[in-house]
Amino acid sequence: MERESKQGRYNEIVARHFPTGLVSCKRLAGSLLLAGALGCVPGWCQEAPPDLPPEEDESYAAPQEYSFNPIQARKELKVARFYMRKSSFRAAALRAQEAVKWDDSLLEAYILLGEAREKFSDLDGARKAYQQFLEAADEGARERKEIQRRVERLKQDGAKQAEAASNPTG
């Protein structure tokens, strides 16, 4: 009984979509179903792909206009911390940089940006981030002395790398 109702429903659908002839259309539909099951459906009977939204990466390719938005900056900083915990330092640096663009007075973002860049050996970028922190922070900031030590260490490391690059024999 159930099979007969399925067969009747099938005939009804085929008759609705192929009113010219049920027998030849049933053969065509059966061969298309078989071809579809085998993965060899010809291009003329495949459905056109639906209009897809533009790629997410395209939105990042367009220049972003930044204005003061501390809420968005905090969100970016939170994501940057997440990436730091996951040891994805490039992603953390990108998110911290976004946070700085949204709110350039967010001192935590400069520190995180410098730390992330240090982790993936962008010593010059880390030094620049720390310098930006020192410019933005007031004299009484508690992290100021530690950041100044990091900047000095990065300058020394950069000088050592430049010396080693210019003198490859040792």
Protein backbone atom coordinates (compact mmCIF):
# COMPACT_ATOMS: atom_id res chain seq x y z
CA MET A 1 0.00 0.00 0.00
CA GLU A 2 2.75 2.42 0.94
CA ARG A 3 4.69 1.55 -2.20
CA GLU A 4 1.60 2.21 -4.34
CA SER A 5 1.13 5.64 -2.74
CA LYS A 6 4.78 6.48 -3.37
CA GLN A 7 4.49 5.31 -6.98
CA GLY A 8 1.31 7.35 -7.42
CA ARG A 9 3.00 10.41 -5.96
CA TYR A 10 5.96 9.86 -8.27
CA ASN A 11 3.69 9.60 -11.31
CA GLU A 12 1.90 12.77 -10.23
CA ILE A 13 5.14 14.74 -9.93
CA VAL A 14 6.46 13.45 -13.25
CA ALA A 15 3.15 14.21 -14.98
CA ARG A 16 3.12 17.74 -13.54
CA HIS A 17 6.67 18.50 -14.65
CA PHE A 18 6.58 16.60 -17.95
CA PRO A 19 3.07 16.97 -19.39
CA THR A 20 4.12 15.87 -22.91
CA GLY A 21 4.24 12.18 -22.21
CA LEU A 22 4.38 10.19 -19.05
CA VAL A 23 6.14 7.11 -20.42
CA SER A 24 9.05 8.88 -22.12
CA CYS A 25 9.30 11.32 -19.24
CA LYS A 26 9.42 8.49 -16.73
CA ARG A 27 12.34 7.02 -18.66
CA LEU A 28 14.06 10.39 -18.78
CA ALA A 29 13.44 10.97 -15.09
CA GLY A 30 14.67 7.48 -14.23
CA SER A 31 17.82 7.93 -16.29
CA LEU A 32 18.44 11.34 -14.71
CA LEU A 33 17.98 9.88 -11.24
CA LEU A 34 20.38 7.07 -12.10
CA ALA A 35 22.88 9.51 -13.61
CA GLY A 36 22.58 11.74 -10.56
CA ALA A 37 23.18 8.81 -8.26
CA LEU A 38 26.28 7.91 -10.24
CA GLY A 39 27.50 11.51 -10.23
CA CYS A 40 27.44 11.95 -13.99
CA VAL A 41 24.55 14.35 -14.48
CA PRO A 42 25.05 16.39 -17.64
CA GLY A 43 25.40 20.13 -17.26
CA TRP A 44 22.13 20.93 -19.04
CA CYS A 45 20.00 19.25 -16.39
CA GLN A 46 21.79 20.49 -13.31
CA GLU A 47 20.25 23.30 -11.38
CA ALA A 48 21.97 26.64 -11.62
CA PRO A 49 23.77 27.50 -8.40
CA PRO A 50 21.92 30.08 -6.36
CA ASP A 51 23.27 33.59 -6.17
CA LEU A 52 25.79 33.45 -3.39
CA PRO A 53 26.59 36.39 -1.16
CA PRO A 54 29.97 38.00 -1.79
CA GLU A 55 32.91 36.37 -0.12
CA GLU A 56 33.69 37.50 3.39
CA ASP A 57 37.26 38.24 2.38
CA GLU A 58 36.06 40.80 -0.17
CA SER A 59 34.72 42.95 2.64
CA TYR A 60 38.18 43.01 4.21
CA ALA A 61 39.77 43.86 0.86
CA ALA A 62 37.86 47.13 0.68
CA PRO A 63 39.43 49.89 2.77
CA GLN A 64 37.71 50.14 6.11
CA GLU A 65 36.80 53.55 7.49
CA TYR A 66 37.59 53.73 11.16
CA SER A 67 36.10 56.11 13.64
CA PHE A 68 36.25 56.15 17.41
CA ASN A 69 34.39 53.04 18.57
CA PRO A 70 35.55 51.77 21.96
CA ILE A 71 33.02 48.94 21.99
CA GLN A 72 34.34 47.50 18.73
CA ALA A 73 37.90 48.02 19.98
CA ARG A 74 37.16 45.99 23.12
CA LYS A 75 35.64 43.22 21.01
CA GLU A 76 38.73 43.10 18.80
CA LEU A 77 40.97 43.06 21.88
CA LYS A 78 38.97 40.19 23.37
CA VAL A 79 39.40 38.18 20.17
CA ALA A 80 43.12 39.04 20.12
CA ARG A 81 43.50 37.64 23.64
CA PHE A 82 41.71 34.47 22.52
CA TYR A 83 44.15 34.04 19.63
CA MET A 84 47.11 34.63 21.97
CA ARG A 85 45.88 31.81 24.22
CA LYS A 86 45.60 29.56 21.17
CA SER A 87 49.17 30.51 20.09
CA SER A 88 47.92 32.01 16.85
CA PHE A 89 50.15 35.06 17.12
CA ARG A 90 49.64 36.52 13.64
CA ALA A 91 45.86 36.50 14.09
CA ALA A 92 46.27 38.04 17.54
CA ALA A 93 48.45 40.79 16.10
CA LEU A 94 45.91 41.53 13.36
CA ARG A 95 43.07 41.77 15.87
CA ALA A 96 45.08 43.95 18.25
CA GLN A 97 45.93 46.21 15.32
CA GLU A 98 42.22 46.46 14.50
CA ALA A 99 41.53 47.38 18.13
CA VAL A 100 44.09 50.19 17.93
CA LYS A 101 42.44 51.50 14.77
CA TRP A 102 39.06 51.64 16.48
CA ASP A 103 40.40 53.24 19.68
CA ASP A 104 43.97 54.53 19.64
CA SER A 105 43.89 55.28 23.37
CA LEU A 106 43.46 51.60 24.27
CA LEU A 107 46.85 50.92 25.84
CA GLU A 108 46.25 47.21 26.35
CA ALA A 109 45.98 46.77 22.60
CA TYR A 110 49.46 48.23 22.02
CA ILE A 111 50.95 45.87 24.59
CA LEU A 112 49.17 42.85 23.14
CA LEU A 113 50.18 43.89 19.62
CA GLY A 114 53.82 44.11 20.67
CA GLU A 115 53.73 40.77 22.47
CA ALA A 116 52.10 39.02 19.52
CA ARG A 117 54.59 40.48 17.07
CA GLU A 118 57.45 39.46 19.34
CA LYS A 119 56.14 35.88 19.40
CA PHE A 120 56.25 35.54 15.63
CA SER A 121 59.65 37.26 15.37
CA ASP A 122 58.56 40.62 13.97
CA LEU A 123 60.91 42.45 16.30
CA ASP A 124 60.74 45.75 14.42
CA GLY A 125 56.93 45.69 14.47
CA ALA A 126 56.93 44.81 18.18
CA ARG A 127 59.29 47.70 18.93
CA LYS A 128 57.04 50.09 17.01
CA ALA A 129 53.97 48.89 18.92
CA TYR A 130 55.75 49.36 22.23
CA GLN A 131 56.92 52.82 21.14
CA GLN A 132 53.32 53.74 20.35
CA PHE A 133 52.35 52.56 23.83
CA LEU A 134 55.03 54.76 25.38
CA GLU A 135 53.81 57.76 23.37
CA ALA A 136 50.18 57.21 24.36
CA ALA A 137 50.76 56.28 28.03
CA ASP A 138 51.22 58.90 30.70
CA GLU A 139 54.34 58.96 32.86
CA GLY A 140 52.61 57.23 35.77
CA ALA A 141 51.55 54.09 33.86
CA ARG A 142 52.56 51.01 35.80
CA GLU A 143 53.61 49.06 32.69
CA ARG A 144 55.79 51.89 31.41
CA LYS A 145 59.10 50.68 32.92
CA GLU A 146 58.57 47.13 31.70
CA ILE A 147 57.75 48.33 28.19
CA GLN A 148 60.82 50.58 28.15
CA ARG A 149 62.97 47.55 29.07
CA ARG A 150 61.37 45.57 26.26
CA VAL A 151 62.06 48.36 23.77
CA GLU A 152 65.72 48.50 24.80
CA ARG A 153 66.02 44.71 24.55
CA LEU A 154 64.40 44.73 21.10
CA LYS A 155 66.79 47.47 19.93
CA GLN A 156 69.74 45.36 21.10
CA ASP A 157 68.32 42.23 19.45
CA GLY A 158 67.72 44.17 16.25
CA ALA A 159 71.29 45.46 16.29
CA LYS A 160 72.59 41.91 16.83
CA GLN A 161 70.49 40.61 13.92
CA ALA A 162 71.68 43.41 11.64
CA GLU A 163 75.28 42.70 12.62
CA ALA A 164 74.83 38.97 12.00
CA ALA A 165 73.20 39.63 8.63
CA SER A 166 76.03 41.90 7.50
CA ASN A 167 78.72 39.51 8.79
CA PRO A 168 77.55 35.99 7.78
CA THR A 169 80.87 34.24 8.54
CA GLY A 170 80.47 34.59 12.23
